[in-house]
C-alpha atoms as a PDB file:
ATOM      1  CA  UNK A   1      44.926 185.631 125.498  1.00  0.00           C
ATOM      2  CA  UNK A   2      41.192 185.229 125.420  1.00  0.00           C
ATOM      3  CA  UNK A   3      39.236 183.644 122.345  1.00  0.00           C
ATOM      4  CA  UNK A   4      35.368 183.796 121.729  1.00  0.00           C
ATOM      5  CA  UNK A   5      33.075 180.940 121.000  1.00  0.00           C
ATOM      6  CA  UNK A   6      34.457 180.569 117.739  1.00  0.00           C
ATOM      7  CA  UNK A   7      37.834 180.711 118.362  1.00  0.00           C
ATOM      8  CA  UNK A   8      38.799 183.876 116.948  1.00  0.00           C
ATOM      9  CA  UNK A   9      40.770 186.146 119.440  1.00  0.00           C
ATOM     10  CA  UNK A  10      38.791 188.824 121.721  1.00  0.00           C
ATOM     11  CA  UNK A  11      41.307 191.312 121.722  1.00  0.00           C
ATOM     12  CA  UNK A  12      41.738 190.663 125.673  1.00  0.00           C
ATOM     13  CA  UNK A  13      45.083 189.212 127.526  1.00  0.00           C
ATOM     14  CA  UNK A  14      46.095 188.624 131.101  1.00  0.00           C
ATOM     15  CA  UNK A  15      49.673 189.189 131.921  1.00  0.00           C
ATOM     16  CA  UNK A  16      51.102 188.323 134.862  1.00  0.00           C
ATOM     17  CA  UNK A  17      54.001 190.268 136.474  1.00  0.00           C
ATOM     18  CA  UNK A  18      56.605 188.200 138.892  1.00  0.00           C
ATOM     19  CA  UNK A  19      57.269 191.774 140.917  1.00  0.00           C
ATOM     20  CA  UNK A  20      54.088 193.539 142.086  1.00  0.00           C
ATOM     21  CA  UNK A  21      55.721 196.688 141.780  1.00  0.00           C
ATOM     22  CA  UNK A  22      55.758 196.004 137.959  1.00  0.00           C
ATOM     23  CA  UNK A  23      51.761 196.416 138.066  1.00  0.00           C
ATOM     24  CA  UNK A  24      51.792 200.047 138.572  1.00  0.00           C
ATOM     25  CA  UNK A  25      54.450 200.516 136.265  1.00  0.00           C
ATOM     26  CA  UNK A  26      52.685 198.397 133.275  1.00  0.00           C
ATOM     27  CA  UNK A  27      49.643 201.095 134.302  1.00  0.00           C
ATOM     28  CA  UNK A  28      51.397 204.207 133.832  1.00  0.00           C
ATOM     29  CA  UNK A  29      53.728 203.211 130.758  1.00  0.00           C
ATOM     30  CA  UNK A  30      51.138 201.168 128.873  1.00  0.00           C
ATOM     31  CA  UNK A  31      47.883 202.254 129.259  1.00  0.00           C
ATOM     32  CA  UNK A  32      46.589 204.575 126.447  1.00  0.00           C
ATOM     33  CA  UNK A  33      50.025 203.759 124.462  1.00  0.00           C
ATOM     34  CA  UNK A  34      49.522 202.604 120.678  1.00  0.00           C
ATOM     35  CA  UNK A  35      50.084 199.069 120.189  1.00  0.00           C
ATOM     36  CA  UNK A  36      49.620 199.765 116.250  1.00  0.00           C
ATOM     37  CA  UNK A  37      48.573 202.982 114.540  1.00  0.00           C
ATOM     38  CA  UNK A  38      45.422 204.334 116.422  1.00  0.00           C
ATOM     39  CA  UNK A  39      45.031 201.263 118.384  1.00  0.00           C
ATOM     40  CA  UNK A  40      45.738 202.088 121.642  1.00  0.00           C
ATOM     41  CA  UNK A  41      46.153 199.646 124.814  1.00  0.00           C
ATOM     42  CA  UNK A  42      43.777 199.831 127.866  1.00  0.00           C
ATOM     43  CA  UNK A  43      45.668 198.322 130.839  1.00  0.00           C
ATOM     44  CA  UNK A  44      43.793 197.682 134.098  1.00  0.00           C
ATOM     45  CA  UNK A  45      44.743 195.788 137.008  1.00  0.00           C
ATOM     46  CA  UNK A  46      42.944 192.434 137.124  1.00  0.00           C
ATOM     47  CA  UNK A  47      40.115 192.026 139.650  1.00  0.00           C
ATOM     48  CA  UNK A  48      39.606 188.539 141.065  1.00  0.00           C
ATOM     49  CA  UNK A  49      36.101 187.550 142.771  1.00  0.00           C
ATOM     50  CA  UNK A  50      34.912 184.358 144.191  1.00  0.00           C
ATOM     51  CA  UNK A  51      33.036 181.986 142.328  1.00  0.00           C
ATOM     52  CA  UNK A  52      29.260 181.674 143.087  1.00  0.00           C
ATOM     53  CA  UNK A  53      28.921 178.365 141.282  1.00  0.00           C
ATOM     54  CA  UNK A  54      28.557 175.235 142.794  1.00  0.00           C
ATOM     55  CA  UNK A  55      28.845 176.355 146.445  1.00  0.00           C
ATOM     56  CA  UNK A  56      31.939 178.581 145.716  1.00  0.00           C
ATOM     57  CA  UNK A  57      34.604 176.118 147.452  1.00  0.00           C
ATOM     58  CA  UNK A  58      37.171 174.435 145.953  1.00  0.00           C
ATOM     59  CA  UNK A  59      37.850 170.536 146.687  1.00  0.00           C
ATOM     60  CA  UNK A  60      41.484 170.333 147.670  1.00  0.00           C
ATOM     61  CA  UNK A  61      43.185 167.766 145.735  1.00  0.00           C
ATOM     62  CA  UNK A  62      45.334 164.855 147.385  1.00  0.00           C
ATOM     63  CA  UNK A  63      48.434 163.875 146.195  1.00  0.00           C
ATOM     64  CA  UNK A  64      48.813 160.527 144.893  1.00  0.00           C
ATOM     65  CA  UNK A  65      50.800 158.622 147.491  1.00  0.00           C
ATOM     66  CA  UNK A  66      54.756 158.266 146.105  1.00  0.00           C
ATOM     67  CA  UNK A  67      54.223 161.161 143.889  1.00  0.00           C
ATOM     68  CA  UNK A  68      57.155 163.667 144.161  1.00  0.00           C
ATOM     69  CA  UNK A  69      56.376 167.322 144.413  1.00  0.00           C
ATOM     70  CA  UNK A  70      58.113 169.438 141.596  1.00  0.00           C
ATOM     71  CA  UNK A  71      60.665 171.685 143.016  1.00  0.00           C
ATOM     72  CA  UNK A  72      60.435 175.087 141.628  1.00  0.00           C
ATOM     73  CA  UNK A  73      63.454 177.284 140.862  1.00  0.00           C
ATOM     74  CA  UNK A  74      63.045 180.552 143.116  1.00  0.00           C
ATOM     75  CA  UNK A  75      63.902 183.506 140.498  1.00  0.00           C
ATOM     76  CA  UNK A  76      63.216 186.165 142.648  1.00  0.00           C
ATOM     77  CA  UNK A  77      67.147 186.784 143.448  1.00  0.00           C
ATOM     78  CA  UNK A  78      67.841 186.947 139.696  1.00  0.00           C
ATOM     79  CA  UNK A  79      64.669 188.948 138.529  1.00  0.00           C
ATOM     80  CA  UNK A  80      65.078 191.493 141.411  1.00  0.00           C
ATOM     81  CA  UNK A  81      65.214 194.918 140.819  1.00  0.00           C
ATOM     82  CA  UNK A  82      67.628 195.303 144.225  1.00  0.00           C
ATOM     83  CA  UNK A  83      70.672 197.340 143.347  1.00  0.00           C
ATOM     84  CA  UNK A  84      72.795 194.936 145.758  1.00  0.00           C
ATOM     85  CA  UNK A  85      73.187 192.707 142.841  1.00  0.00           C
ATOM     86  CA  UNK A  86      75.339 195.489 140.885  1.00  0.00           C
ATOM     87  CA  UNK A  87      78.650 194.376 141.964  1.00  0.00           C
ATOM     88  CA  UNK A  88      80.519 193.569 138.556  1.00  0.00           C
ATOM     89  CA  UNK A  89      82.522 196.668 136.782  1.00  0.00           C
ATOM     90  CA  UNK A  90      83.743 196.745 132.995  1.00  0.00           C
ATOM     91  CA  UNK A  91      86.654 198.811 132.555  1.00  0.00           C
ATOM     92  CA  UNK A  92      87.845 199.556 128.733  1.00  0.00           C
ATOM     93  CA  UNK A  93      91.275 201.161 127.504  1.00  0.00           C
ATOM     94  CA  UNK A  94      93.514 199.634 130.207  1.00  0.00           C
ATOM     95  CA  UNK A  95      95.830 198.121 127.392  1.00  0.00           C
ATOM     96  CA  UNK A  96      95.938 196.919 123.771  1.00  0.00           C
ATOM     97  CA  UNK A  97      96.243 193.354 122.940  1.00  0.00           C
ATOM     98  CA  UNK A  98      99.612 193.859 121.229  1.00  0.00           C
ATOM     99  CA  UNK A  99     101.032 194.550 124.575  1.00  0.00           C
ATOM    100  CA  UNK A 100     100.476 190.784 125.784  1.00  0.00           C
ATOM    101  CA  UNK A 101     102.484 189.663 122.678  1.00  0.00           C
ATOM    102  CA  UNK A 102     106.089 190.194 124.287  1.00  0.00           C
ATOM    103  CA  UNK A 103     105.222 189.591 127.855  1.00  0.00           C
ATOM    104  CA  UNK A 104     104.097 186.106 128.914  1.00  0.00           C
ATOM    105  CA  UNK A 105     102.979 187.498 132.303  1.00  0.00           C
ATOM    106  CA  UNK A 106     101.522 190.594 130.847  1.00  0.00           C
ATOM    107  CA  UNK A 107      97.607 189.400 131.949  1.00  0.00           C
ATOM    108  CA  UNK A 108      98.786 187.920 135.125  1.00  0.00           C
ATOM    109  CA  UNK A 109     100.723 191.420 136.089  1.00  0.00           C
ATOM    110  CA  UNK A 110      97.542 193.504 134.880  1.00  0.00           C
ATOM    111  CA  UNK A 111      95.314 191.384 137.174  1.00  0.00           C
ATOM    112  CA  UNK A 112      97.387 191.691 140.012  1.00  0.00           C
ATOM    113  CA  UNK A 113      97.656 195.718 139.633  1.00  0.00           C
ATOM    114  CA  UNK A 114      94.151 195.841 138.955  1.00  0.00           C
ATOM    115  CA  UNK A 115      93.287 193.870 141.989  1.00  0.00           C
ATOM    116  CA  UNK A 116      95.429 195.792 144.123  1.00  0.00           C
ATOM    117  CA  UNK A 117      94.067 199.252 142.860  1.00  0.00           C
ATOM    118  CA  UNK A 118      90.337 198.018 143.404  1.00  0.00           C
ATOM    119  CA  UNK A 119      90.763 196.754 146.775  1.00  0.00           C
ATOM    120  CA  UNK A 120      91.132 200.449 147.789  1.00  0.00           C
ATOM    121  CA  UNK A 121      87.240 200.547 146.982  1.00  0.00           C
ATOM    122  CA  UNK A 122      86.494 197.154 148.718  1.00  0.00           C
ATOM    123  CA  UNK A 123      86.929 193.323 148.581  1.00  0.00           C
ATOM    124  CA  UNK A 124      87.470 191.908 145.234  1.00  0.00           C
ATOM    125  CA  UNK A 125      85.885 188.496 144.227  1.00  0.00           C
ATOM    126  CA  UNK A 126      87.668 188.201 140.739  1.00  0.00           C
ATOM    127  CA  UNK A 127      89.288 190.011 138.107  1.00  0.00           C
ATOM    128  CA  UNK A 128      89.284 189.090 134.456  1.00  0.00           C
ATOM    129  CA  UNK A 129      91.496 190.134 131.659  1.00  0.00           C
ATOM    130  CA  UNK A 130      90.288 189.889 128.157  1.00  0.00           C
ATOM    131  CA  UNK A 131      93.654 189.899 126.286  1.00  0.00           C
ATOM    132  CA  UNK A 132      92.353 189.909 122.690  1.00  0.00           C
ATOM    133  CA  UNK A 133      89.516 192.293 123.092  1.00  0.00           C
ATOM    134  CA  UNK A 134      90.500 195.504 121.027  1.00  0.00           C
ATOM    135  CA  UNK A 135      89.109 197.752 123.580  1.00  0.00           C
ATOM    136  CA  UNK A 136      91.460 196.538 126.599  1.00  0.00           C
ATOM    137  CA  UNK A 137      88.687 195.062 128.646  1.00  0.00           C
ATOM    138  CA  UNK A 138      89.094 193.839 132.314  1.00  0.00           C
ATOM    139  CA  UNK A 139      86.543 193.089 134.688  1.00  0.00           C
ATOM    140  CA  UNK A 140      86.151 193.242 138.379  1.00  0.00           C
ATOM    141  CA  UNK A 141      83.593 191.481 140.474  1.00  0.00           C
ATOM    142  CA  UNK A 142      83.255 193.145 143.974  1.00  0.00           C
ATOM    143  CA  UNK A 143      81.883 191.589 146.823  1.00  0.00           C
ATOM    144  CA  UNK A 144      79.673 194.512 147.661  1.00  0.00           C
ATOM    145  CA  UNK A 145      77.659 197.058 145.391  1.00  0.00           C
ATOM    146  CA  UNK A 146      79.030 200.112 147.153  1.00  0.00           C
ATOM    147  CA  UNK A 147      82.655 198.861 146.525  1.00  0.00           C
ATOM    148  CA  UNK A 148      81.757 198.535 142.783  1.00  0.00           C
ATOM    149  CA  UNK A 149      79.847 202.024 142.589  1.00  0.00           C
ATOM    150  CA  UNK A 150      83.251 203.635 144.250  1.00  0.00           C
ATOM    151  CA  UNK A 151      85.351 202.001 141.608  1.00  0.00           C
ATOM    152  CA  UNK A 152      83.033 203.328 138.784  1.00  0.00           C
ATOM    153  CA  UNK A 153      83.385 206.773 140.591  1.00  0.00           C
ATOM    154  CA  UNK A 154      86.781 206.631 140.899  1.00  0.00           C
ATOM    155  CA  UNK A 155      88.076 205.063 137.827  1.00  0.00           C
ATOM    156  CA  UNK A 156      85.561 206.124 134.997  1.00  0.00           C
ATOM    157  CA  UNK A 157      87.707 208.793 133.356  1.00  0.00           C
ATOM    158  CA  UNK A 158      90.938 208.307 135.055  1.00  0.00           C
ATOM    159  CA  UNK A 159      94.377 207.587 133.341  1.00  0.00           C
ATOM    160  CA  UNK A 160      96.117 204.112 133.429  1.00  0.00           C
ATOM    161  CA  UNK A 161      99.407 203.580 131.738  1.00  0.00           C
ATOM    162  CA  UNK A 162      98.942 206.864 129.860  1.00  0.00           C
ATOM    163  CA  UNK A 163      95.524 205.735 128.706  1.00  0.00           C
ATOM    164  CA  UNK A 164      91.884 207.174 129.786  1.00  0.00           C
ATOM    165  CA  UNK A 165      89.887 204.405 130.539  1.00  0.00           C
ATOM    166  CA  UNK A 166      86.176 203.991 131.050  1.00  0.00           C
ATOM    167  CA  UNK A 167      84.361 202.224 133.742  1.00  0.00           C
ATOM    168  CA  UNK A 168      80.519 201.096 134.097  1.00  0.00           C
ATOM    169  CA  UNK A 169      78.418 198.450 135.384  1.00  0.00           C
ATOM    170  CA  UNK A 170      78.232 195.376 133.433  1.00  0.00           C
ATOM    171  CA  UNK A 171      75.231 195.048 131.387  1.00  0.00           C
ATOM    172  CA  UNK A 172      74.846 191.346 131.948  1.00  0.00           C
ATOM    173  CA  UNK A 173      74.616 190.761 127.983  1.00  0.00           C
ATOM    174  CA  UNK A 174      77.806 191.441 126.326  1.00  0.00           C
ATOM    175  CA  UNK A 175      80.598 188.816 125.764  1.00  0.00           C
ATOM    176  CA  UNK A 176      83.714 190.730 125.946  1.00  0.00           C
ATOM    177  CA  UNK A 177      86.074 187.425 124.718  1.00  0.00           C
ATOM    178  CA  UNK A 178      87.330 187.702 121.624  1.00  0.00           C
ATOM    179  CA  UNK A 179      89.276 185.000 119.626  1.00  0.00           C
ATOM    180  CA  UNK A 180      92.573 186.025 118.529  1.00  0.00           C
ATOM    181  CA  UNK A 181      92.457 186.473 114.383  1.00  0.00           C
ATOM    182  CA  UNK A 182      94.666 185.134 111.691  1.00  0.00           C
ATOM    183  CA  UNK A 183      96.166 188.480 111.477  1.00  0.00           C
ATOM    184  CA  UNK A 184      96.793 188.968 115.244  1.00  0.00           C
ATOM    185  CA  UNK A 185      98.174 185.795 115.635  1.00  0.00           C
ATOM    186  CA  UNK A 186     100.831 186.546 112.746  1.00  0.00           C
ATOM    187  CA  UNK A 187     101.694 189.667 114.048  1.00  0.00           C
ATOM    188  CA  UNK A 188     102.225 187.876 117.625  1.00  0.00           C
ATOM    189  CA  UNK A 189     104.542 185.241 116.094  1.00  0.00           C
ATOM    190  CA  UNK A 190     106.675 187.946 114.393  1.00  0.00           C
ATOM    191  CA  UNK A 191     106.782 190.054 117.625  1.00  0.00           C
ATOM    192  CA  UNK A 192     107.817 186.888 119.388  1.00  0.00           C
ATOM    193  CA  UNK A 193     110.415 185.875 116.726  1.00  0.00           C
ATOM    194  CA  UNK A 194     112.669 189.165 117.309  1.00  0.00           C
ATOM    195  CA  UNK A 195     113.393 187.837 120.921  1.00  0.00           C
END
């Protein structure tokens, strides 16, 4: 954001995008959009011109001997719009938490069943069962995005152990881990006491 000589905001700002493809998108979506009521934005692509002052040449700064150069983390893969990163599938409705109360091997058996079924779509790296999640959540990490897409296509709406399940890509934010509540613990202990 730019200020004038008195330190007041001029109303101009420069935004730098990581991906070049973001610039035309910003021009399309933001140009003319109201930032406040009757206060439209004017968005243009920045134009840079060579400086004509003092010969217009930049001096190369020499690095001080022995000074280490900072290593920058390459975020391009993390921020990529590339679909190849979509390998996580979240399936809901595969079980109810109380099903695990009477079977010590419930999670292990469910993981094996889901992995076996999902390997029909492609190589599976990891299966996670969230035993206390009331939505009956199981996540699957595939090695290939096409396998994840095939899984979603085949598993979404399918019935598993008499329950209709949903399958979709992981949103990258939701934490499906749920701690066992005091009420669930009491119910689980009551179920175990019957054995």
